Protein backbone atom coordinates (compact mmCIF):
# COMPACT_ATOMS: atom_id res chain seq x y z
CA MET A 1 0.00 0.00 0.00
CA ALA A 2 2.20 2.77 -1.26
CA LEU A 3 1.38 6.44 -0.98
CA GLY A 4 0.62 8.36 -4.13
CA THR A 5 3.09 10.93 -5.41
CA GLU A 6 0.69 13.82 -4.85
CA LYS A 7 0.05 12.78 -1.25
CA LYS A 8 3.78 12.43 -0.58
CA GLN A 9 4.49 15.88 -2.02
CA GLU A 10 1.73 17.36 0.12
CA ILE A 11 3.16 15.79 3.30
CA ILE A 12 6.71 16.87 2.40
CA ALA A 13 5.53 20.44 1.78
CA LYS A 14 3.70 20.53 5.11
CA PHE A 15 6.36 18.98 7.36
CA GLY A 16 9.62 19.58 5.48
CA ARG A 17 12.05 22.34 6.30
CA GLN A 18 12.58 23.03 2.57
CA ALA A 19 10.78 22.05 -0.61
CA SER A 20 13.23 19.22 -1.33
CA ASP A 21 13.48 17.99 2.28
CA THR A 22 12.56 14.31 2.21
CA GLY A 23 14.96 12.87 4.75
CA SER A 24 14.34 14.84 7.92
CA SER A 25 12.87 12.99 10.86
CA GLU A 26 9.70 15.06 10.79
CA VAL A 27 8.95 14.16 7.17
CA GLN A 28 9.75 10.49 7.73
CA VAL A 29 7.44 10.32 10.76
CA ALA A 30 4.65 12.09 8.86
CA LEU A 31 4.97 9.69 5.90
CA LEU A 32 5.01 6.67 8.22
CA SER A 33 1.95 8.00 10.04
CA GLN A 34 0.04 8.26 6.78
CA ARG A 35 1.02 4.72 5.79
CA ILE A 36 0.03 3.46 9.25
CA SER A 37 -3.40 5.04 9.01
CA ASP A 38 -3.91 3.60 5.50
CA LEU A 39 -2.89 0.12 6.66
CA SER A 40 -5.11 0.36 9.73
CA ALA A 41 -8.10 1.13 7.52
CA HIS A 42 -7.19 -1.80 5.27
CA LEU A 43 -6.96 -4.16 8.23
CA LYS A 44 -10.39 -3.11 9.50
CA SER A 45 -11.94 -4.40 6.30
CA ASN A 46 -9.53 -7.37 5.94
CA PRO A 47 -8.95 -8.75 9.45
CA LYS A 48 -7.30 -11.98 8.26
CA ASP A 49 -4.52 -10.26 6.32
CA HIS A 50 -1.69 -11.24 8.64
CA SER A 51 1.16 -10.17 6.38
CA SER A 52 -0.20 -6.63 6.31
CA ARG A 53 -0.56 -6.74 10.09
CA LEU A 54 3.12 -7.64 10.44
CA GLY A 55 4.02 -4.81 8.07
CA LEU A 56 1.94 -2.44 10.19
CA LEU A 57 3.79 -3.48 13.33
CA LYS A 58 7.10 -2.91 11.56
CA LEU A 59 6.03 0.59 10.50
CA VAL A 60 4.88 1.43 14.02
CA GLY A 61 8.27 0.35 15.37
CA GLN A 62 10.12 2.48 12.82
CA ARG A 63 7.99 5.50 13.69
CA ARG A 64 8.49 4.93 17.41
CA ASN A 65 12.28 4.83 16.96
CA LEU A 66 12.27 8.03 14.89
CA LEU A 67 10.10 9.75 17.49
CA LYS A 68 12.45 8.67 20.30
CA TYR A 69 15.38 10.10 18.34
CA LEU A 70 13.55 13.36 17.68
CA LYS A 71 12.48 13.65 21.31
CA ARG A 72 16.07 13.13 22.47
CA THR A 73 17.72 15.53 20.02
CA GLN A 74 15.14 18.25 19.19
CA HIS A 75 12.44 18.26 21.83
CA ASP A 76 10.64 21.39 20.58
CA ARG A 77 10.24 19.97 17.05
CA TYR A 78 9.09 16.68 18.58
CA LEU A 79 6.31 18.45 20.48
CA GLU A 80 5.20 20.38 17.39
CA LEU A 81 5.15 17.20 15.30
CA ILE A 82 3.11 15.07 17.66
CA GLN A 83 0.67 17.95 18.08
CA ALA A 84 0.27 18.28 14.29
CA LEU A 85 -0.11 14.52 13.74
CA GLY A 86 -2.24 13.83 16.80
CA ILE A 87 0.14 11.24 18.24
CA LYS A 88 0.23 10.49 21.97
CA ASN A 89 3.15 11.92 23.92
CA ARG A 90 5.05 9.15 25.68
């Protein structure tokens, strides 16, 4: 379940520091969050799709690690990001 190019560009424009910023932690977390929400919706309609469930758990782990890094290194950006994405603060 890949994101469309238009959706990716929209997320990059919203969370990136520059127009061509695709590698910053904020952009990566935002892209992972979108993929997680898409996969969650897919799994609600297809509860027996175990391979997608494992992929979802892998994405959640990647996002959690990026958020831990961001919280440790740039706490103010971390707070802004979780506020914008509606993620719980842990």
